Every structure is written in C-alpha cells, then in structure tokens.
mmCIF file of all heavy atoms, coordinates in Angstrom:
data_MODEL
# 
_entry.id   MODEL 
# 
loop_
_atom_site.group_PDB 
_atom_site.id 
_atom_site.type_symbol 
_atom_site.label_atom_id 
_atom_site.label_alt_id 
_atom_site.label_comp_id 
_atom_site.label_asym_id 
_atom_site.label_entity_id 
_atom_site.label_seq_id 
_atom_site.pdbx_PDB_ins_code 
_atom_site.Cartn_x 
_atom_site.Cartn_y 
_atom_site.Cartn_z 
_atom_site.occupancy 
_atom_site.B_iso_or_equiv 
_atom_site.pdbx_formal_charge 
_atom_site.auth_seq_id 
_atom_site.auth_comp_id 
_atom_site.auth_asym_id 
_atom_site.auth_atom_id 
_atom_site.pdbx_PDB_model_num 
ATOM 1   N N   . VAL A 1 1  ? 0.829   -1.249  0.037   1.00 0.00 ? 1  VAL A N   1 
ATOM 2   C CA  . VAL A 1 1  ? 0.029   0.094   0.117   1.00 0.00 ? 1  VAL A CA  1 
ATOM 3   C C   . VAL A 1 1  ? 0.898   1.263   -0.050  1.00 0.00 ? 1  VAL A C   1 
ATOM 4   O O   . VAL A 1 1  ? 0.567   2.256   -0.721  1.00 0.00 ? 1  VAL A O   1 
ATOM 5   C CB  . VAL A 1 1  ? -0.982  -0.016  1.204   1.00 0.00 ? 1  VAL A CB  1 
ATOM 6   C CG1 . VAL A 1 1  ? -1.623  1.271   1.347   1.00 0.00 ? 1  VAL A CG1 1 
ATOM 7   C CG2 . VAL A 1 1  ? -2.079  -1.045  1.010   1.00 0.00 ? 1  VAL A CG2 1 
ATOM 8   N N   . ASP A 1 2  ? 1.950   1.263   0.785   1.00 0.00 ? 2  ASP A N   1 
ATOM 9   C CA  . ASP A 1 2  ? 2.733   2.414   0.896   1.00 0.00 ? 2  ASP A CA  1 
ATOM 10  C C   . ASP A 1 2  ? 3.441   2.713   -0.464  1.00 0.00 ? 2  ASP A C   1 
ATOM 11  O O   . ASP A 1 2  ? 3.568   3.816   -1.024  1.00 0.00 ? 2  ASP A O   1 
ATOM 12  C CB  . ASP A 1 2  ? 3.885   2.170   2.014   1.00 0.00 ? 2  ASP A CB  1 
ATOM 13  C CG  . ASP A 1 2  ? 3.249   2.485   3.296   1.00 0.00 ? 2  ASP A CG  1 
ATOM 14  O OD1 . ASP A 1 2  ? 2.245   3.058   3.526   1.00 0.00 ? 2  ASP A OD1 1 
ATOM 15  O OD2 . ASP A 1 2  ? 3.958   2.170   4.337   1.00 0.00 ? 2  ASP A OD2 1 
ATOM 16  N N   . ALA A 1 3  ? 3.974   1.645   -1.050  1.00 0.00 ? 3  ALA A N   1 
ATOM 17  C CA  . ALA A 1 3  ? 4.667   1.720   -2.394  1.00 0.00 ? 3  ALA A CA  1 
ATOM 18  C C   . ALA A 1 3  ? 3.628   2.229   -3.447  1.00 0.00 ? 3  ALA A C   1 
ATOM 19  O O   . ALA A 1 3  ? 4.037   3.179   -4.263  1.00 0.00 ? 3  ALA A O   1 
ATOM 20  C CB  . ALA A 1 3  ? 5.270   0.362   -2.790  1.00 0.00 ? 3  ALA A CB  1 
ATOM 21  N N   . CYS A 1 4  ? 2.436   1.761   -3.487  1.00 0.00 ? 4  CYS A N   1 
ATOM 22  C CA  . CYS A 1 4  ? 1.479   2.154   -4.516  1.00 0.00 ? 4  CYS A CA  1 
ATOM 23  C C   . CYS A 1 4  ? 1.040   3.703   -4.380  1.00 0.00 ? 4  CYS A C   1 
ATOM 24  O O   . CYS A 1 4  ? 1.023   4.368   -5.146  1.00 0.00 ? 4  CYS A O   1 
ATOM 25  C CB  . CYS A 1 4  ? 0.202   1.397   -4.375  1.00 0.00 ? 4  CYS A CB  1 
ATOM 26  S SG  . CYS A 1 4  ? 0.410   -0.255  -5.023  1.00 0.00 ? 4  CYS A SG  1 
ATOM 27  N N   . ALA A 1 5  ? 0.856   4.032   -3.049  1.00 0.00 ? 5  ALA A N   1 
ATOM 28  C CA  . ALA A 1 5  ? 0.582   5.405   -2.728  1.00 0.00 ? 5  ALA A CA  1 
ATOM 29  C C   . ALA A 1 5  ? 1.663   6.336   -3.164  1.00 0.00 ? 5  ALA A C   1 
ATOM 30  O O   . ALA A 1 5  ? 1.440   7.537   -3.624  1.00 0.00 ? 5  ALA A O   1 
ATOM 31  C CB  . ALA A 1 5  ? 0.245   5.622   -1.148  1.00 0.00 ? 5  ALA A CB  1 
ATOM 32  N N   . THR A 1 6  ? 2.932   6.019   -2.905  1.00 0.00 ? 6  THR A N   1 
ATOM 33  C CA  . THR A 1 6  ? 4.125   6.814   -3.392  1.00 0.00 ? 6  THR A CA  1 
ATOM 34  C C   . THR A 1 6  ? 4.160   7.146   -4.679  1.00 0.00 ? 6  THR A C   1 
ATOM 35  O O   . THR A 1 6  ? 4.451   8.157   -5.219  1.00 0.00 ? 6  THR A O   1 
ATOM 36  C CB  . THR A 1 6  ? 5.326   6.162   -2.834  1.00 0.00 ? 6  THR A CB  1 
ATOM 37  O OG1 . THR A 1 6  ? 5.412   5.973   -1.355  1.00 0.00 ? 6  THR A OG1 1 
ATOM 38  C CG2 . THR A 1 6  ? 6.637   6.857   -3.246  1.00 0.00 ? 6  THR A CG2 1 
ATOM 39  N N   . TYR A 1 7  ? 3.761   6.166   -5.568  1.00 0.00 ? 7  TYR A N   1 
ATOM 40  C CA  . TYR A 1 7  ? 3.880   6.244   -7.000  1.00 0.00 ? 7  TYR A CA  1 
ATOM 41  C C   . TYR A 1 7  ? 2.495   6.413   -7.670  1.00 0.00 ? 7  TYR A C   1 
ATOM 42  O O   . TYR A 1 7  ? 2.393   6.389   -8.956  1.00 0.00 ? 7  TYR A O   1 
ATOM 43  C CB  . TYR A 1 7  ? 4.565   5.011   -7.508  1.00 0.00 ? 7  TYR A CB  1 
ATOM 44  C CG  . TYR A 1 7  ? 6.008   4.968   -7.304  1.00 0.00 ? 7  TYR A CG  1 
ATOM 45  C CD1 . TYR A 1 7  ? 6.533   4.225   -6.221  1.00 0.00 ? 7  TYR A CD1 1 
ATOM 46  C CD2 . TYR A 1 7  ? 6.903   5.626   -8.101  1.00 0.00 ? 7  TYR A CD2 1 
ATOM 47  C CE1 . TYR A 1 7  ? 7.913   4.327   -5.802  1.00 0.00 ? 7  TYR A CE1 1 
ATOM 48  C CE2 . TYR A 1 7  ? 8.221   5.647   -7.894  1.00 0.00 ? 7  TYR A CE2 1 
ATOM 49  C CZ  . TYR A 1 7  ? 8.800   4.935   -6.787  1.00 0.00 ? 7  TYR A CZ  1 
ATOM 50  O OH  . TYR A 1 7  ? 10.083  5.001   -6.484  1.00 0.00 ? 7  TYR A OH  1 
ATOM 51  N N   . GLY A 1 8  ? 1.409   6.766   -6.983  1.00 0.00 ? 8  GLY A N   1 
ATOM 52  C CA  . GLY A 1 8  ? 0.190   7.130   -7.461  1.00 0.00 ? 8  GLY A CA  1 
ATOM 53  C C   . GLY A 1 8  ? -0.547  5.991   -8.313  1.00 0.00 ? 8  GLY A C   1 
ATOM 54  O O   . GLY A 1 8  ? -1.198  6.320   -9.305  1.00 0.00 ? 8  GLY A O   1 
ATOM 55  N N   . ILE A 1 9  ? -0.397  4.751   -7.752  1.00 0.00 ? 9  ILE A N   1 
ATOM 56  C CA  . ILE A 1 9  ? -1.056  3.660   -8.423  1.00 0.00 ? 9  ILE A CA  1 
ATOM 57  C C   . ILE A 1 9  ? -1.926  2.908   -7.269  1.00 0.00 ? 9  ILE A C   1 
ATOM 58  O O   . ILE A 1 9  ? -1.855  3.266   -6.151  1.00 0.00 ? 9  ILE A O   1 
ATOM 59  C CB  . ILE A 1 9  ? -0.122  2.692   -9.120  1.00 0.00 ? 9  ILE A CB  1 
ATOM 60  C CG1 . ILE A 1 9  ? 0.928   1.939   -8.214  1.00 0.00 ? 9  ILE A CG1 1 
ATOM 61  C CG2 . ILE A 1 9  ? 0.694   3.452   -10.207 1.00 0.00 ? 9  ILE A CG2 1 
ATOM 62  C CD1 . ILE A 1 9  ? 1.744   0.918   -8.690  1.00 0.00 ? 9  ILE A CD1 1 
ATOM 63  N N   . PHE A 1 10 ? -2.614  1.823   -7.736  1.00 0.00 ? 10 PHE A N   1 
ATOM 64  C CA  . PHE A 1 10 ? -3.616  1.330   -6.843  1.00 0.00 ? 10 PHE A CA  1 
ATOM 65  C C   . PHE A 1 10 ? -3.215  -0.082  -6.238  1.00 0.00 ? 10 PHE A C   1 
ATOM 66  O O   . PHE A 1 10 ? -2.820  -0.996  -7.081  1.00 0.00 ? 10 PHE A O   1 
ATOM 67  C CB  . PHE A 1 10 ? -4.984  1.301   -7.471  1.00 0.00 ? 10 PHE A CB  1 
ATOM 68  C CG  . PHE A 1 10 ? -5.408  2.633   -7.921  1.00 0.00 ? 10 PHE A CG  1 
ATOM 69  C CD1 . PHE A 1 10 ? -5.476  2.973   -9.262  1.00 0.00 ? 10 PHE A CD1 1 
ATOM 70  C CD2 . PHE A 1 10 ? -5.791  3.597   -7.016  1.00 0.00 ? 10 PHE A CD2 1 
ATOM 71  C CE1 . PHE A 1 10 ? -5.898  4.219   -9.597  1.00 0.00 ? 10 PHE A CE1 1 
ATOM 72  C CE2 . PHE A 1 10 ? -6.221  4.762   -7.391  1.00 0.00 ? 10 PHE A CE2 1 
ATOM 73  C CZ  . PHE A 1 10 ? -6.195  5.211   -8.740  1.00 0.00 ? 10 PHE A CZ  1 
ATOM 74  N N   . PRO A 1 11 ? -3.393  -0.320  -4.957  1.00 0.00 ? 11 PRO A N   1 
ATOM 75  C CA  . PRO A 1 11 ? -3.102  -1.680  -4.430  1.00 0.00 ? 11 PRO A CA  1 
ATOM 76  C C   . PRO A 1 11 ? -4.491  -2.466  -4.200  1.00 0.00 ? 11 PRO A C   1 
ATOM 77  O O   . PRO A 1 11 ? -5.506  -1.855  -4.073  1.00 0.00 ? 11 PRO A O   1 
ATOM 78  C CB  . PRO A 1 11 ? -2.574  -1.232  -3.057  1.00 0.00 ? 11 PRO A CB  1 
ATOM 79  C CG  . PRO A 1 11 ? -3.418  -0.059  -2.563  1.00 0.00 ? 11 PRO A CG  1 
ATOM 80  C CD  . PRO A 1 11 ? -3.522  0.770   -3.938  1.00 0.00 ? 11 PRO A CD  1 
ATOM 81  N N   . TYR A 1 12 ? -4.251  -3.710  -4.357  1.00 0.00 ? 12 TYR A N   1 
ATOM 82  C CA  . TYR A 1 12 ? -5.494  -4.717  -4.328  1.00 0.00 ? 12 TYR A CA  1 
ATOM 83  C C   . TYR A 1 12 ? -5.096  -6.008  -3.516  1.00 0.00 ? 12 TYR A C   1 
ATOM 84  O O   . TYR A 1 12 ? -3.934  -6.463  -3.561  1.00 0.00 ? 12 TYR A O   1 
ATOM 85  C CB  . TYR A 1 12 ? -5.883  -5.191  -5.759  1.00 0.00 ? 12 TYR A CB  1 
ATOM 86  C CG  . TYR A 1 12 ? -6.354  -4.100  -6.593  1.00 0.00 ? 12 TYR A CG  1 
ATOM 87  C CD1 . TYR A 1 12 ? -5.445  -3.328  -7.324  1.00 0.00 ? 12 TYR A CD1 1 
ATOM 88  C CD2 . TYR A 1 12 ? -7.804  -4.035  -7.007  1.00 0.00 ? 12 TYR A CD2 1 
ATOM 89  C CE1 . TYR A 1 12 ? -5.934  -2.387  -8.163  1.00 0.00 ? 12 TYR A CE1 1 
ATOM 90  C CE2 . TYR A 1 12 ? -8.237  -3.024  -7.815  1.00 0.00 ? 12 TYR A CE2 1 
ATOM 91  C CZ  . TYR A 1 12 ? -7.190  -2.130  -8.485  1.00 0.00 ? 12 TYR A CZ  1 
ATOM 92  O OH  . TYR A 1 12 ? -7.603  -1.172  -9.261  1.00 0.00 ? 12 TYR A OH  1 
ATOM 93  N N   . TRP A 1 13 ? -6.029  -6.590  -2.743  1.00 0.00 ? 13 TRP A N   1 
ATOM 94  C CA  . TRP A 1 13 ? -5.861  -7.821  -2.267  1.00 0.00 ? 13 TRP A CA  1 
ATOM 95  C C   . TRP A 1 13 ? -6.008  -8.775  -3.270  1.00 0.00 ? 13 TRP A C   1 
ATOM 96  O O   . TRP A 1 13 ? -6.909  -8.463  -4.253  1.00 0.00 ? 13 TRP A O   1 
ATOM 97  C CB  . TRP A 1 13 ? -6.827  -8.148  -1.088  1.00 0.00 ? 13 TRP A CB  1 
ATOM 98  C CG  . TRP A 1 13 ? -6.674  -9.514  -0.541  1.00 0.00 ? 13 TRP A CG  1 
ATOM 99  C CD1 . TRP A 1 13 ? -7.660  -10.513 -0.895  1.00 0.00 ? 13 TRP A CD1 1 
ATOM 100 C CD2 . TRP A 1 13 ? -5.570  -10.053 0.086   1.00 0.00 ? 13 TRP A CD2 1 
ATOM 101 N NE1 . TRP A 1 13 ? -7.187  -11.710 -0.266  1.00 0.00 ? 13 TRP A NE1 1 
ATOM 102 C CE2 . TRP A 1 13 ? -5.977  -11.472 0.287   1.00 0.00 ? 13 TRP A CE2 1 
ATOM 103 C CE3 . TRP A 1 13 ? -4.447  -9.616  0.825   1.00 0.00 ? 13 TRP A CE3 1 
ATOM 104 C CZ2 . TRP A 1 13 ? -5.151  -12.359 1.050   1.00 0.00 ? 13 TRP A CZ2 1 
ATOM 105 C CZ3 . TRP A 1 13 ? -3.735  -10.474 1.480   1.00 0.00 ? 13 TRP A CZ3 1 
ATOM 106 C CH2 . TRP A 1 13 ? -3.999  -11.729 1.526   1.00 0.00 ? 13 TRP A CH2 1 
ATOM 107 N N   . GLY A 1 14 ? -5.400  -9.908  -3.423  1.00 0.00 ? 14 GLY A N   1 
ATOM 108 C CA  . GLY A 1 14 ? -5.508  -10.940 -4.329  1.00 0.00 ? 14 GLY A CA  1 
ATOM 109 C C   . GLY A 1 14 ? -6.744  -11.900 -4.016  1.00 0.00 ? 14 GLY A C   1 
ATOM 110 O O   . GLY A 1 14 ? -7.892  -11.581 -3.642  1.00 0.00 ? 14 GLY A O   1 
ATOM 111 N N   . PRO A 1 15 ? -6.496  -13.257 -4.114  1.00 0.00 ? 15 PRO A N   1 
ATOM 112 C CA  . PRO A 1 15 ? -7.518  -14.253 -3.996  1.00 0.00 ? 15 PRO A CA  1 
ATOM 113 C C   . PRO A 1 15 ? -7.750  -14.632 -2.644  1.00 0.00 ? 15 PRO A C   1 
ATOM 114 O O   . PRO A 1 15 ? -6.878  -14.607 -1.843  1.00 0.00 ? 15 PRO A O   1 
ATOM 115 C CB  . PRO A 1 15 ? -7.001  -15.418 -4.899  1.00 0.00 ? 15 PRO A CB  1 
ATOM 116 C CG  . PRO A 1 15 ? -5.435  -15.207 -4.671  1.00 0.00 ? 15 PRO A CG  1 
ATOM 117 C CD  . PRO A 1 15 ? -5.161  -13.784 -4.701  1.00 0.00 ? 15 PRO A CD  1 
ATOM 118 N N   . PHE A 1 16 ? -9.023  -15.007 -2.358  1.00 0.00 ? 16 PHE A N   1 
ATOM 119 C CA  . PHE A 1 16 ? -9.277  -15.632 -1.081  1.00 0.00 ? 16 PHE A CA  1 
ATOM 120 C C   . PHE A 1 16 ? -9.985  -16.994 -1.500  1.00 0.00 ? 16 PHE A C   1 
ATOM 121 O O   . PHE A 1 16 ? -11.023 -17.141 -2.099  1.00 0.00 ? 16 PHE A O   1 
ATOM 122 C CB  . PHE A 1 16 ? -10.370 -14.895 -0.246  1.00 0.00 ? 16 PHE A CB  1 
ATOM 123 C CG  . PHE A 1 16 ? -10.576 -15.511 1.075   1.00 0.00 ? 16 PHE A CG  1 
ATOM 124 C CD1 . PHE A 1 16 ? -9.851  -15.195 2.172   1.00 0.00 ? 16 PHE A CD1 1 
ATOM 125 C CD2 . PHE A 1 16 ? -11.741 -16.354 1.189   1.00 0.00 ? 16 PHE A CD2 1 
ATOM 126 C CE1 . PHE A 1 16 ? -9.914  -15.734 3.312   1.00 0.00 ? 16 PHE A CE1 1 
ATOM 127 C CE2 . PHE A 1 16 ? -11.893 -17.042 2.474   1.00 0.00 ? 16 PHE A CE2 1 
ATOM 128 C CZ  . PHE A 1 16 ? -10.964 -16.675 3.580   1.00 0.00 ? 16 PHE A CZ  1 
ATOM 129 N N   . GLY A 1 17 ? -9.156  -18.081 -1.291  1.00 0.00 ? 17 GLY A N   1 
ATOM 130 C CA  . GLY A 1 17 ? -9.530  -19.384 -1.887  1.00 0.00 ? 17 GLY A CA  1 
ATOM 131 C C   . GLY A 1 17 ? -10.634 -20.147 -1.403  1.00 0.00 ? 17 GLY A C   1 
ATOM 132 O O   . GLY A 1 17 ? -11.258 -20.963 -2.055  1.00 0.00 ? 17 GLY A O   1 
ATOM 133 N N   . ASP A 1 18 ? -11.115 -19.980 -0.039  1.00 0.00 ? 18 ASP A N   1 
ATOM 134 C CA  . ASP A 1 18 ? -12.152 -20.732 0.502   1.00 0.00 ? 18 ASP A CA  1 
ATOM 135 C C   . ASP A 1 18 ? -13.552 -20.094 0.131   1.00 0.00 ? 18 ASP A C   1 
ATOM 136 O O   . ASP A 1 18 ? -14.057 -19.215 0.747   1.00 0.00 ? 18 ASP A O   1 
ATOM 137 C CB  . ASP A 1 18 ? -11.942 -20.917 1.986   1.00 0.00 ? 18 ASP A CB  1 
ATOM 138 C CG  . ASP A 1 18 ? -12.847 -21.899 2.523   1.00 0.00 ? 18 ASP A CG  1 
ATOM 139 O OD1 . ASP A 1 18 ? -13.928 -22.247 1.887   1.00 0.00 ? 18 ASP A OD1 1 
ATOM 140 O OD2 . ASP A 1 18 ? -12.680 -22.260 3.854   1.00 0.00 ? 18 ASP A OD2 1 
ATOM 141 N N   . ILE A 1 19 ? -14.030 -20.507 -1.017  1.00 0.00 ? 19 ILE A N   1 
ATOM 142 C CA  . ILE A 1 19 ? -15.235 -19.882 -1.483  1.00 0.00 ? 19 ILE A CA  1 
ATOM 143 C C   . ILE A 1 19 ? -16.389 -20.128 -0.549  1.00 0.00 ? 19 ILE A C   1 
ATOM 144 O O   . ILE A 1 19 ? -17.273 -19.216 -0.287  1.00 0.00 ? 19 ILE A O   1 
ATOM 145 C CB  . ILE A 1 19 ? -15.601 -20.576 -2.808  1.00 0.00 ? 19 ILE A CB  1 
ATOM 146 C CG1 . ILE A 1 19 ? -14.579 -20.390 -3.857  1.00 0.00 ? 19 ILE A CG1 1 
ATOM 147 C CG2 . ILE A 1 19 ? -17.009 -19.899 -3.378  1.00 0.00 ? 19 ILE A CG2 1 
ATOM 148 C CD1 . ILE A 1 19 ? -14.100 -18.963 -4.130  1.00 0.00 ? 19 ILE A CD1 1 
ATOM 149 N N   . ARG A 1 20 ? -16.445 -21.139 0.279   1.00 0.00 ? 20 ARG A N   1 
ATOM 150 C CA  . ARG A 1 20 ? -17.564 -21.452 1.166   1.00 0.00 ? 20 ARG A CA  1 
ATOM 151 C C   . ARG A 1 20 ? -17.593 -20.494 2.384   1.00 0.00 ? 20 ARG A C   1 
ATOM 152 O O   . ARG A 1 20 ? -18.523 -20.231 2.960   1.00 0.00 ? 20 ARG A O   1 
ATOM 153 C CB  . ARG A 1 20 ? -17.664 -22.818 1.525   1.00 0.00 ? 20 ARG A CB  1 
ATOM 154 C CG  . ARG A 1 20 ? -17.840 -23.789 0.459   1.00 0.00 ? 20 ARG A CG  1 
ATOM 155 C CD  . ARG A 1 20 ? -17.556 -25.252 0.844   1.00 0.00 ? 20 ARG A CD  1 
ATOM 156 N NE  . ARG A 1 20 ? -16.209 -25.336 1.188   1.00 0.00 ? 20 ARG A NE  1 
ATOM 157 C CZ  . ARG A 1 20 ? -15.728 -26.552 1.736   1.00 0.00 ? 20 ARG A CZ  1 
ATOM 158 N NH1 . ARG A 1 20 ? -16.544 -27.524 1.840   1.00 0.00 ? 20 ARG A NH1 1 
ATOM 159 N NH2 . ARG A 1 20 ? -14.490 -26.625 2.009   1.00 0.00 ? 20 ARG A NH2 1 
ATOM 160 N N   . ASP A 1 21 ? -16.315 -20.103 2.758   1.00 0.00 ? 21 ASP A N   1 
ATOM 161 C CA  . ASP A 1 21 ? -16.154 -19.322 3.999   1.00 0.00 ? 21 ASP A CA  1 
ATOM 162 C C   . ASP A 1 21 ? -16.262 -17.779 3.735   1.00 0.00 ? 21 ASP A C   1 
ATOM 163 O O   . ASP A 1 21 ? -15.364 -17.090 3.575   1.00 0.00 ? 21 ASP A O   1 
ATOM 164 C CB  . ASP A 1 21 ? -14.763 -19.597 4.697   1.00 0.00 ? 21 ASP A CB  1 
ATOM 165 C CG  . ASP A 1 21 ? -14.730 -18.998 6.158   1.00 0.00 ? 21 ASP A CG  1 
ATOM 166 O OD1 . ASP A 1 21 ? -15.678 -18.348 6.474   1.00 0.00 ? 21 ASP A OD1 1 
ATOM 167 O OD2 . ASP A 1 21 ? -13.730 -19.360 6.777   1.00 0.00 ? 21 ASP A OD2 1 
ATOM 168 N N   . THR A 1 22 ? -17.578 -17.401 3.546   1.00 0.00 ? 22 THR A N   1 
ATOM 169 C CA  . THR A 1 22 ? -17.926 -16.011 3.115   1.00 0.00 ? 22 THR A CA  1 
ATOM 170 C C   . THR A 1 22 ? -17.514 -14.989 4.353   1.00 0.00 ? 22 THR A C   1 
ATOM 171 O O   . THR A 1 22 ? -17.307 -13.871 4.078   1.00 0.00 ? 22 THR A O   1 
ATOM 172 C CB  . THR A 1 22 ? -19.307 -15.811 2.718   1.00 0.00 ? 22 THR A CB  1 
ATOM 173 O OG1 . THR A 1 22 ? -20.153 -16.353 3.725   1.00 0.00 ? 22 THR A OG1 1 
ATOM 174 C CG2 . THR A 1 22 ? -19.550 -16.703 1.428   1.00 0.00 ? 22 THR A CG2 1 
ATOM 175 N N   . VAL A 1 23 ? -17.626 -15.549 5.598   1.00 0.00 ? 23 VAL A N   1 
ATOM 176 C CA  . VAL A 1 23 ? -17.352 -14.648 6.660   1.00 0.00 ? 23 VAL A CA  1 
ATOM 177 C C   . VAL A 1 23 ? -15.908 -14.285 6.646   1.00 0.00 ? 23 VAL A C   1 
ATOM 178 O O   . VAL A 1 23 ? -15.490 -13.086 6.824   1.00 0.00 ? 23 VAL A O   1 
ATOM 179 C CB  . VAL A 1 23 ? -17.771 -15.310 8.016   1.00 0.00 ? 23 VAL A CB  1 
ATOM 180 C CG1 . VAL A 1 23 ? -17.270 -14.474 9.221   1.00 0.00 ? 23 VAL A CG1 1 
ATOM 181 C CG2 . VAL A 1 23 ? -19.201 -15.571 8.084   1.00 0.00 ? 23 VAL A CG2 1 
ATOM 182 N N   . ALA A 1 24 ? -15.009 -15.213 6.583   1.00 0.00 ? 24 ALA A N   1 
ATOM 183 C CA  . ALA A 1 24 ? -13.609 -14.955 6.505   1.00 0.00 ? 24 ALA A CA  1 
ATOM 184 C C   . ALA A 1 24 ? -13.133 -14.302 5.367   1.00 0.00 ? 24 ALA A C   1 
ATOM 185 O O   . ALA A 1 24 ? -12.188 -13.345 5.359   1.00 0.00 ? 24 ALA A O   1 
ATOM 186 C CB  . ALA A 1 24 ? -12.728 -16.292 6.747   1.00 0.00 ? 24 ALA A CB  1 
# 
C-alpha cells in the first residue's frame, strides 16, 4: 500500500481461496 501510494497507483488484495467461508 505504501509503495502504491508513493507512485500514484492502486493496491489490491488478491484471491481468497475458500469460496464457502464467506465470513472470513
């Protein structure tokens, strides 16, 4: 996040693999 903010681009979380665990 810090690196992206420094260079004016956007950070994202990637995959969450347990499709059934919608709470987590």
